Amino acid sequence: MEIRSRTENHLQNALYHRSDIRDTDPQHNQGDVELLAQIGYKQQLNRHYSTTRVFGIAFLIMCLLQCISSMVQMV
């Protein structure tokens, strides 16, 4: 009986604290930032990278691959 009462309490809390359902229309927004704002979020990931940043990421990946291949050769 105790498990059922915990479950009922959890469901009641979830129903009480839920937010109102918002209508979003992806066809009529100006982009991802506006769609995220409609559902209550703020864009946190950067989608535009500078040339220097892209070069750094590519260099990092090449270094990791070389490190992994040298470790495999040692084994």
Protein backbone atom coordinates (compact mmCIF):
# COMPACT_ATOMS: atom_id res chain seq x y z
CA MET A 1 0.00 0.00 0.00
CA GLU A 2 2.92 2.36 0.68
CA ILE A 3 4.29 2.03 -2.87
CA ARG A 4 0.95 2.99 -4.36
CA SER A 5 0.69 6.07 -2.18
CA ARG A 6 4.20 7.18 -3.21
CA THR A 7 3.27 6.74 -6.85
CA GLU A 8 0.05 8.65 -6.40
CA ASN A 9 1.91 11.46 -4.62
CA HIS A 10 4.48 11.62 -7.41
CA LEU A 11 1.78 11.78 -10.09
CA GLN A 12 -0.12 14.45 -8.21
CA ASN A 13 3.06 16.54 -7.84
CA ALA A 14 3.89 16.11 -11.53
CA LEU A 15 0.40 17.13 -12.59
CA TYR A 16 0.39 20.08 -10.20
CA HIS A 17 3.79 21.45 -11.28
CA ARG A 18 3.53 20.89 -15.03
CA SER A 19 3.64 23.91 -17.28
CA ASP A 20 0.96 24.95 -19.71
CA ILE A 21 1.17 23.41 -23.15
CA ARG A 22 2.43 25.95 -25.66
CA ASP A 23 1.50 25.88 -29.32
CA THR A 24 4.54 26.10 -31.57
CA ASP A 25 4.46 26.25 -35.33
CA PRO A 26 7.81 25.46 -36.97
CA GLN A 27 6.47 26.63 -40.35
CA HIS A 28 5.93 30.24 -39.20
CA ASN A 29 9.07 31.02 -37.24
CA GLN A 30 12.20 32.85 -38.34
CA GLY A 31 14.66 30.11 -37.40
CA ASP A 32 15.91 27.84 -34.68
CA VAL A 33 16.52 30.65 -32.21
CA GLU A 34 12.89 31.77 -32.41
CA LEU A 35 11.60 28.19 -32.18
CA LEU A 36 13.69 27.60 -29.06
CA ALA A 37 12.38 30.85 -27.59
CA GLN A 38 8.81 29.73 -28.27
CA ILE A 39 9.32 26.56 -26.24
CA GLY A 40 11.16 28.42 -23.48
CA TYR A 41 14.82 27.72 -24.21
CA LYS A 42 17.78 29.88 -25.14
CA GLN A 43 20.25 28.80 -27.83
CA GLN A 44 23.52 27.82 -26.16
CA LEU A 45 25.50 26.13 -28.91
CA ASN A 46 27.46 28.26 -31.35
CA ARG A 47 26.67 27.35 -34.96
CA HIS A 48 29.13 29.66 -36.69
CA TYR A 49 32.83 28.98 -36.22
CA SER A 50 35.77 31.10 -37.30
CA THR A 51 38.45 29.72 -39.60
CA THR A 52 40.92 29.56 -36.72
CA ARG A 53 38.54 27.54 -34.60
CA VAL A 54 37.83 25.07 -37.43
CA PHE A 55 41.58 24.67 -38.03
CA GLY A 56 42.13 24.01 -34.31
CA ILE A 57 39.43 21.34 -34.21
CA ALA A 58 40.82 19.64 -37.33
CA PHE A 59 44.36 19.73 -35.91
CA LEU A 60 43.15 18.25 -32.63
CA ILE A 61 41.40 15.38 -34.43
CA MET A 62 44.51 14.63 -36.51
CA CYS A 63 46.68 14.59 -33.38
CA LEU A 64 44.29 12.24 -31.61
CA LEU A 65 44.25 9.85 -34.55
CA GLN A 66 48.05 9.83 -34.70
CA CYS A 67 48.26 9.19 -30.96
CA ILE A 68 45.79 6.31 -31.14
CA SER A 69 47.57 4.72 -34.10
CA SER A 70 50.97 4.91 -32.35
CA MET A 71 49.47 3.31 -29.24
CA VAL A 72 48.01 0.48 -31.33
CA GLN A 73 51.40 -0.14 -32.97
CA MET A 74 53.06 -0.46 -29.56
CA VAL A 75 50.69 -3.24 -28.52
